[in-house]
Amino acid sequence: MNVQIEESWKQQLATEFDKDYFIRVTEFVRSEYRSTTVYPPGKLIFNAFNLCPFHKTKVVIIGQDPYHGPGQAHGLCFSVNDGVAFPPSLQNIFKEIQSDLGLPIPPSGNLTRWAEQGVLLLNATLTVRAHQAGSHQRKGWEEFTDAAIRILAEQREHLVFILWGAYAQKKGAFIDRNKHLVLASAHPSPLSAYNGFFGNKHFSRANAYLVEHGESPIIW
């Protein structure tokens, strides 16, 4: 199957594209886009990969589902398009960055600037029906994103994996902690942010680790 995805990822994930689960999820997603409103726009399904090539990835942040409201999702977890109001989790992410690093809250919630520095902003499920959270879960996307995380964890060294909440922690449970830095805490959602997300200092800790291993820090 000829998948429109950034070339280095296309090479790394080539064996996935012909597996039964990927063919099934592709057929399902195509039918969903034909019959209903689905986010993100089709050309942005693989945006996280397209903006952050395999060999340039330094940090991986794992989300769950794309945003399911109009104009929000654009293929990067936790990120919204320019001019879109910050969802609550993203507000809390910016508050923690402000507390941790002393940086001001940015004017836009578009995290493309992170992706272009080597932050893979990966949702476990890459599409969703409008206004129906979780509607494309358990259709095959999770196997695909598991494969991407596994390939990074096995073939690269000294990456930072940021796992917020039980779902992301379960998805990243297999990552070798001796080979990579794994940062885990509560989710930035208002339901859990005060149970360990605020004060986790993940952004400064990620940068300290990158610098220690000869990489430039992320400008959060």
C-alpha atoms as a PDB file:
ATOM      1  CA  MET A   1       0.000   0.000   0.000  1.00  0.00           C
ATOM      2  CA  ASN A   2       1.342   3.431  -0.962  1.00  0.00           C
ATOM      3  CA  VAL A   3       0.858   5.557   2.150  1.00  0.00           C
ATOM      4  CA  GLN A   4       1.461   9.309   1.934  1.00  0.00           C
ATOM      5  CA  ILE A   5       3.824   9.718   4.869  1.00  0.00           C
ATOM      6  CA  GLU A   6       7.253  11.303   5.362  1.00  0.00           C
ATOM      7  CA  GLU A   7       9.951   9.232   3.643  1.00  0.00           C
ATOM      8  CA  SER A   8      12.035   8.148   6.644  1.00  0.00           C
ATOM      9  CA  TRP A   9       8.899   6.971   8.443  1.00  0.00           C
ATOM     10  CA  LYS A  10       7.715   5.276   5.270  1.00  0.00           C
ATOM     11  CA  GLN A  11      10.885   3.206   5.270  1.00  0.00           C
ATOM     12  CA  GLN A  12      10.727   2.409   8.994  1.00  0.00           C
ATOM     13  CA  LEU A  13       7.045   1.437   8.940  1.00  0.00           C
ATOM     14  CA  ALA A  14       6.987  -0.234   5.509  1.00  0.00           C
ATOM     15  CA  THR A  15       6.155  -3.683   6.883  1.00  0.00           C
ATOM     16  CA  GLU A  16       3.111  -2.316   8.731  1.00  0.00           C
ATOM     17  CA  PHE A  17       1.366  -0.993   5.637  1.00  0.00           C
ATOM     18  CA  ASP A  18       0.666  -4.432   4.183  1.00  0.00           C
ATOM     19  CA  LYS A  19      -0.566  -6.025   7.423  1.00  0.00           C
ATOM     20  CA  ASP A  20      -4.233  -6.976   7.696  1.00  0.00           C
ATOM     21  CA  TYR A  21      -4.940  -4.551  10.556  1.00  0.00           C
ATOM     22  CA  PHE A  22      -3.601  -1.584   8.579  1.00  0.00           C
ATOM     23  CA  ILE A  23      -5.609  -2.495   5.488  1.00  0.00           C
ATOM     24  CA  ARG A  24      -8.712  -2.767   7.712  1.00  0.00           C
ATOM     25  CA  VAL A  25      -8.198   0.573   9.429  1.00  0.00           C
ATOM     26  CA  THR A  26      -7.520   2.252   6.080  1.00  0.00           C
ATOM     27  CA  GLU A  27     -10.783   0.916   4.624  1.00  0.00           C
ATOM     28  CA  PHE A  28     -12.697   1.926   7.757  1.00  0.00           C
ATOM     29  CA  VAL A  29     -11.283   5.457   7.785  1.00  0.00           C
ATOM     30  CA  ARG A  30     -11.940   5.982   4.085  1.00  0.00           C
ATOM     31  CA  SER A  31     -15.590   4.993   4.533  1.00  0.00           C
ATOM     32  CA  GLU A  32     -15.883   7.309   7.555  1.00  0.00           C
ATOM     33  CA  TYR A  33     -14.521  10.301   5.630  1.00  0.00           C
ATOM     34  CA  ARG A  34     -16.997   9.575   2.829  1.00  0.00           C
ATOM     35  CA  SER A  35     -20.040   9.228   5.073  1.00  0.00           C
ATOM     36  CA  THR A  36     -19.550  11.615   8.021  1.00  0.00           C
ATOM     37  CA  THR A  37     -17.370  14.426   9.399  1.00  0.00           C
ATOM     38  CA  VAL A  38     -13.986  13.175  10.604  1.00  0.00           C
ATOM     39  CA  TYR A  39     -11.045  14.999  12.159  1.00  0.00           C
ATOM     40  CA  PRO A  40      -8.338  15.901  11.371  1.00  0.00           C
ATOM     41  CA  PRO A  41      -8.629  16.707   7.648  1.00  0.00           C
ATOM     42  CA  GLY A  42      -7.482  13.686   5.657  1.00  0.00           C
ATOM     43  CA  LYS A  43      -4.237  15.248   4.475  1.00  0.00           C
ATOM     44  CA  LEU A  44      -3.198  15.816   8.114  1.00  0.00           C
ATOM     45  CA  ILE A  45      -3.721  12.281   9.455  1.00  0.00           C
ATOM     46  CA  PHE A  46       0.053  11.662   9.443  1.00  0.00           C
ATOM     47  CA  ASN A  47       1.029  15.253  10.268  1.00  0.00           C
ATOM     48  CA  ALA A  48       2.949  14.222  13.409  1.00  0.00           C
ATOM     49  CA  PHE A  49       5.202  11.999  11.294  1.00  0.00           C
ATOM     50  CA  ASN A  50       5.478  14.439   8.393  1.00  0.00           C
ATOM     51  CA  LEU A  51       6.694  17.284  10.620  1.00  0.00           C
ATOM     52  CA  CYS A  52       9.062  15.143  12.702  1.00  0.00           C
ATOM     53  CA  PRO A  53      11.141  12.673  10.655  1.00  0.00           C
ATOM     54  CA  PHE A  54      12.325   9.449  12.295  1.00  0.00           C
ATOM     55  CA  HIS A  55      15.988  10.391  12.624  1.00  0.00           C
ATOM     56  CA  LYS A  56      15.197  13.903  13.910  1.00  0.00           C
ATOM     57  CA  THR A  57      12.889  12.748  16.709  1.00  0.00           C
ATOM     58  CA  LYS A  58      14.199  13.663  20.157  1.00  0.00           C
ATOM     59  CA  VAL A  59      11.072  13.688  22.323  1.00  0.00           C
ATOM     60  CA  VAL A  60       7.854  11.663  22.041  1.00  0.00           C
ATOM     61  CA  ILE A  61       4.628  12.880  23.674  1.00  0.00           C
ATOM     62  CA  ILE A  62       1.805  10.335  23.564  1.00  0.00           C
ATOM     63  CA  GLY A  63      -1.825  11.438  23.429  1.00  0.00           C
ATOM     64  CA  GLN A  64      -4.969   9.389  23.006  1.00  0.00           C
ATOM     65  CA  ASP A  65      -7.513  10.798  20.530  1.00  0.00           C
ATOM     66  CA  PRO A  66      -7.601  13.807  18.212  1.00  0.00           C
ATOM     67  CA  TYR A  67      -9.795  16.700  19.321  1.00  0.00           C
ATOM     68  CA  HIS A  68     -13.305  16.161  17.955  1.00  0.00           C
ATOM     69  CA  GLY A  69     -14.522  19.775  17.637  1.00  0.00           C
ATOM     70  CA  PRO A  70     -14.449  21.891  14.455  1.00  0.00           C
ATOM     71  CA  GLY A  71     -11.101  23.411  13.507  1.00  0.00           C
ATOM     72  CA  GLN A  72      -9.143  21.963  16.427  1.00  0.00           C
ATOM     73  CA  ALA A  73      -7.352  18.775  15.351  1.00  0.00           C
ATOM     74  CA  HIS A  74      -4.517  19.022  12.862  1.00  0.00           C
ATOM     75  CA  GLY A  75      -2.652  15.782  13.443  1.00  0.00           C
ATOM     76  CA  LEU A  76      -0.543  16.714  16.489  1.00  0.00           C
ATOM     77  CA  CYS A  77      -1.588  15.589  19.970  1.00  0.00           C
ATOM     78  CA  PHE A  78      -2.648  18.384  22.355  1.00  0.00           C
ATOM     79  CA  SER A  79      -2.152  20.978  19.581  1.00  0.00           C
ATOM     80  CA  VAL A  80      -4.764  23.225  17.957  1.00  0.00           C
ATOM     81  CA  ASN A  81      -4.671  25.458  14.918  1.00  0.00           C
ATOM     82  CA  ASP A  82      -3.766  29.129  15.172  1.00  0.00           C
ATOM     83  CA  GLY A  83      -6.672  31.213  16.427  1.00  0.00           C
ATOM     84  CA  VAL A  84      -8.445  28.315  18.154  1.00  0.00           C
ATOM     85  CA  ALA A  85      -9.123  28.627  21.891  1.00  0.00           C
ATOM     86  CA  PHE A  86      -6.852  26.477  24.051  1.00  0.00           C
ATOM     87  CA  PRO A  87      -8.546  23.267  25.223  1.00  0.00           C
ATOM     88  CA  PRO A  88      -8.231  22.747  29.015  1.00  0.00           C
ATOM     89  CA  SER A  89      -5.379  20.206  28.826  1.00  0.00           C
ATOM     90  CA  LEU A  90      -3.337  22.499  26.598  1.00  0.00           C
ATOM     91  CA  GLN A  91      -3.958  25.409  28.962  1.00  0.00           C
ATOM     92  CA  ASN A  92      -2.526  23.305  31.769  1.00  0.00           C
ATOM     93  CA  ILE A  93       0.481  22.267  29.675  1.00  0.00           C
ATOM     94  CA  PHE A  94       1.307  25.926  29.091  1.00  0.00           C
ATOM     95  CA  LYS A  95       0.819  26.692  32.802  1.00  0.00           C
ATOM     96  CA  GLU A  96       3.324  23.978  33.702  1.00  0.00           C
ATOM     97  CA  ILE A  97       5.827  25.294  31.139  1.00  0.00           C
ATOM     98  CA  GLN A  98       5.405  28.763  32.625  1.00  0.00           C
ATOM     99  CA  SER A  99       5.982  27.414  36.144  1.00  0.00           C
ATOM    100  CA  ASP A 100       8.839  25.106  35.148  1.00  0.00           C
ATOM    101  CA  LEU A 101      10.781  27.320  32.746  1.00  0.00           C
ATOM    102  CA  GLY A 102       9.451  30.829  33.369  1.00  0.00           C
ATOM    103  CA  LEU A 103       8.210  31.156  29.799  1.00  0.00           C
ATOM    104  CA  PRO A 104       5.110  33.216  28.994  1.00  0.00           C
ATOM    105  CA  ILE A 105       1.881  31.597  27.801  1.00  0.00           C
ATOM    106  CA  PRO A 106       2.166  31.671  23.979  1.00  0.00           C
ATOM    107  CA  PRO A 107      -0.409  33.423  21.809  1.00  0.00           C
ATOM    108  CA  SER A 108      -1.163  30.265  19.809  1.00  0.00           C
ATOM    109  CA  GLY A 109      -1.827  26.660  20.767  1.00  0.00           C
ATOM    110  CA  ASN A 110      -0.284  25.443  17.509  1.00  0.00           C
ATOM    111  CA  LEU A 111       2.563  23.109  18.511  1.00  0.00           C
ATOM    112  CA  THR A 112       4.011  22.781  15.010  1.00  0.00           C
ATOM    113  CA  ARG A 113       6.998  24.681  16.394  1.00  0.00           C
ATOM    114  CA  TRP A 114       7.668  21.760  18.777  1.00  0.00           C
ATOM    115  CA  ALA A 115       7.277  19.143  16.051  1.00  0.00           C
ATOM    116  CA  GLU A 116       9.783  20.936  13.836  1.00  0.00           C
ATOM    117  CA  GLN A 117      12.335  20.761  16.667  1.00  0.00           C
ATOM    118  CA  GLY A 118      12.013  16.989  16.998  1.00  0.00           C
ATOM    119  CA  VAL A 119       8.970  16.473  19.243  1.00  0.00           C
ATOM    120  CA  LEU A 120       6.772  13.664  17.915  1.00  0.00           C
ATOM    121  CA  LEU A 121       3.265  14.638  19.050  1.00  0.00           C
ATOM    122  CA  LEU A 122       1.611  11.267  18.568  1.00  0.00           C
ATOM    123  CA  ASN A 123      -1.975  10.371  19.297  1.00  0.00           C
ATOM    124  CA  ALA A 124      -2.624   6.662  19.785  1.00  0.00           C
ATOM    125  CA  THR A 125      -5.650   6.959  17.476  1.00  0.00           C
ATOM    126  CA  LEU A 126      -5.108   9.175  14.448  1.00  0.00           C
ATOM    127  CA  THR A 127      -8.707   9.986  13.477  1.00  0.00           C
ATOM    128  CA  VAL A 128     -12.048  10.613  15.200  1.00  0.00           C
ATOM    129  CA  ARG A 129     -15.654  11.260  14.249  1.00  0.00           C
ATOM    130  CA  ALA A 130     -16.885  14.803  14.902  1.00  0.00           C
ATOM    131  CA  HIS A 131     -18.225  15.215  18.447  1.00  0.00           C
ATOM    132  CA  GLN A 132     -17.728  11.511  19.245  1.00  0.00           C
ATOM    133  CA  ALA A 133     -14.671  10.992  21.443  1.00  0.00           C
ATOM    134  CA  GLY A 134     -13.141   7.540  21.083  1.00  0.00           C
ATOM    135  CA  SER A 135     -15.186   6.710  17.990  1.00  0.00           C
ATOM    136  CA  HIS A 136     -12.172   5.413  16.024  1.00  0.00           C
ATOM    137  CA  GLN A 137     -10.508   3.552  18.883  1.00  0.00           C
ATOM    138  CA  ARG A 138      -9.862  -0.182  18.561  1.00  0.00           C
ATOM    139  CA  LYS A 139     -10.030  -0.086  14.760  1.00  0.00           C
ATOM    140  CA  GLY A 140      -6.299  -0.660  14.231  1.00  0.00           C
ATOM    141  CA  TRP A 141      -4.687   2.731  14.758  1.00  0.00           C
ATOM    142  CA  GLU A 142      -3.335   1.698  18.149  1.00  0.00           C
ATOM    143  CA  GLU A 143      -1.357  -1.150  16.577  1.00  0.00           C
ATOM    144  CA  PHE A 144       0.147   1.238  14.063  1.00  0.00           C
ATOM    145  CA  THR A 145       1.185   3.823  16.646  1.00  0.00           C
ATOM    146  CA  ASP A 146       2.509   1.047  18.913  1.00  0.00           C
ATOM    147  CA  ALA A 147       4.728  -0.020  16.017  1.00  0.00           C
ATOM    148  CA  ALA A 148       6.040   3.535  15.576  1.00  0.00           C
ATOM    149  CA  ILE A 149       6.865   3.834  19.290  1.00  0.00           C
ATOM    150  CA  ARG A 150       8.503   0.408  19.330  1.00  0.00           C
ATOM    151  CA  ILE A 151      10.704   1.186  16.330  1.00  0.00           C
ATOM    152  CA  LEU A 152      11.874   4.429  17.941  1.00  0.00           C
ATOM    153  CA  ALA A 153      12.515   2.734  21.279  1.00  0.00           C
ATOM    154  CA  GLU A 154      14.483  -0.114  19.700  1.00  0.00           C
ATOM    155  CA  GLN A 155      16.443   1.672  16.990  1.00  0.00           C
ATOM    156  CA  ARG A 156      17.212   5.012  18.612  1.00  0.00           C
ATOM    157  CA  GLU A 157      18.967   5.891  21.887  1.00  0.00           C
ATOM    158  CA  HIS A 158      18.553   8.660  24.466  1.00  0.00           C
ATOM    159  CA  LEU A 159      15.076   9.750  23.475  1.00  0.00           C
ATOM    160  CA  VAL A 160      12.646  11.313  25.933  1.00  0.00           C
ATOM    161  CA  PHE A 161       9.229   9.661  26.166  1.00  0.00           C
ATOM    162  CA  ILE A 162       6.612  11.756  27.964  1.00  0.00           C
ATOM    163  CA  LEU A 163       3.665   9.726  29.240  1.00  0.00           C
ATOM    164  CA  TRP A 164       0.826  11.711  30.796  1.00  0.00           C
ATOM    165  CA  GLY A 165      -1.961   9.655  32.333  1.00  0.00           C
ATOM    166  CA  ALA A 166      -2.624   5.941  32.681  1.00  0.00           C
ATOM    167  CA  TYR A 167      -3.406   5.389  28.995  1.00  0.00           C
ATOM    168  CA  ALA A 168      -0.085   6.778  27.758  1.00  0.00           C
ATOM    169  CA  GLN A 169       1.824   5.003  30.535  1.00  0.00           C
ATOM    170  CA  LYS A 170       0.335   1.667  29.514  1.00  0.00           C
ATOM    171  CA  LYS A 171       1.153   2.331  25.861  1.00  0.00           C
ATOM    172  CA  GLY A 172       4.777   3.120  26.751  1.00  0.00           C
ATOM    173  CA  ALA A 173       5.223   0.399  29.367  1.00  0.00           C
ATOM    174  CA  PHE A 174       7.674  -1.616  27.246  1.00  0.00           C
ATOM    175  CA  ILE A 175      10.192   1.220  26.684  1.00  0.00           C
ATOM    176  CA  ASP A 176      13.677   0.438  28.029  1.00  0.00           C
ATOM    177  CA  ARG A 177      14.313   2.894  30.854  1.00  0.00           C
ATOM    178  CA  ASN A 178      18.053   2.222  30.684  1.00  0.00           C
ATOM    179  CA  LYS A 179      18.199   3.384  27.078  1.00  0.00           C
ATOM    180  CA  HIS A 180      15.755   6.304  27.162  1.00  0.00           C
ATOM    181  CA  LEU A 181      14.349   8.825  29.620  1.00  0.00           C
ATOM    182  CA  VAL A 182      10.722   8.019  30.425  1.00  0.00           C
ATOM    183  CA  LEU A 183       8.813  10.803  32.191  1.00  0.00           C
ATOM    184  CA  ALA A 184       5.419   9.794  33.580  1.00  0.00           C
ATOM    185  CA  SER A 185       2.837  11.753  35.558  1.00  0.00           C
ATOM    186  CA  ALA A 186      -0.869  12.468  35.816  1.00  0.00           C
ATOM    187  CA  HIS A 187      -2.631  13.779  32.703  1.00  0.00           C
ATOM    188  CA  PRO A 188      -2.901  17.563  32.176  1.00  0.00           C
ATOM    189  CA  SER A 189      -6.697  17.318  32.038  1.00  0.00           C
ATOM    190  CA  PRO A 190      -8.436  19.467  34.688  1.00  0.00           C
ATOM    191  CA  LEU A 191      -9.718  16.202  36.179  1.00  0.00           C
ATOM    192  CA  SER A 192      -6.219  15.068  37.098  1.00  0.00           C
ATOM    193  CA  ALA A 193      -3.737  17.937  36.667  1.00  0.00           C
ATOM    194  CA  TYR A 194      -3.583  18.660  40.403  1.00  0.00           C
ATOM    195  CA  ASN A 195      -2.821  14.989  41.143  1.00  0.00           C
ATOM    196  CA  GLY A 196       0.747  15.175  39.880  1.00  0.00           C
ATOM    197  CA  PHE A 197       0.849  16.904  36.522  1.00  0.00           C
ATOM    198  CA  PHE A 198       1.490  20.365  37.927  1.00  0.00           C
ATOM    199  CA  GLY A 199       5.006  20.465  39.260  1.00  0.00           C
ATOM    200  CA  ASN A 200       6.260  17.456  37.264  1.00  0.00           C
ATOM    201  CA  LYS A 201       8.930  19.648  35.613  1.00  0.00           C
ATOM    202  CA  HIS A 202       8.911  17.397  32.554  1.00  0.00           C
ATOM    203  CA  PHE A 203       9.986  20.191  30.227  1.00  0.00           C
ATOM    204  CA  SER A 204      13.140  21.154  32.104  1.00  0.00           C
ATOM    205  CA  ARG A 205      13.931  17.487  32.814  1.00  0.00           C
ATOM    206  CA  ALA A 206      13.572  16.605  29.129  1.00  0.00           C
ATOM    207  CA  ASN A 207      15.901  19.425  28.113  1.00  0.00           C
ATOM    208  CA  ALA A 208      18.488  18.555  30.759  1.00  0.00           C
ATOM    209  CA  TYR A 209      18.582  14.973  29.457  1.00  0.00           C
ATOM    210  CA  LEU A 210      18.875  16.074  25.826  1.00  0.00           C
ATOM    211  CA  VAL A 211      21.758  18.422  26.619  1.00  0.00           C
ATOM    212  CA  GLU A 212      23.456  15.716  28.689  1.00  0.00           C
ATOM    213  CA  HIS A 213      23.408  13.469  25.605  1.00  0.00           C
ATOM    214  CA  GLY A 214      24.669  16.071  23.154  1.00  0.00           C
ATOM    215  CA  GLU A 215      21.340  17.260  21.750  1.00  0.00           C
ATOM    216  CA  SER A 216      20.036  20.806  21.607  1.00  0.00           C
ATOM    217  CA  PRO A 217      17.193  21.518  24.055  1.00  0.00           C
ATOM    218  CA  ILE A 218      13.638  22.085  22.895  1.00  0.00           C
ATOM    219  CA  ILE A 219      12.408  25.680  22.880  1.00  0.00           C
ATOM    220  CA  TRP A 220       9.092  24.970  24.580  1.00  0.00           C
END
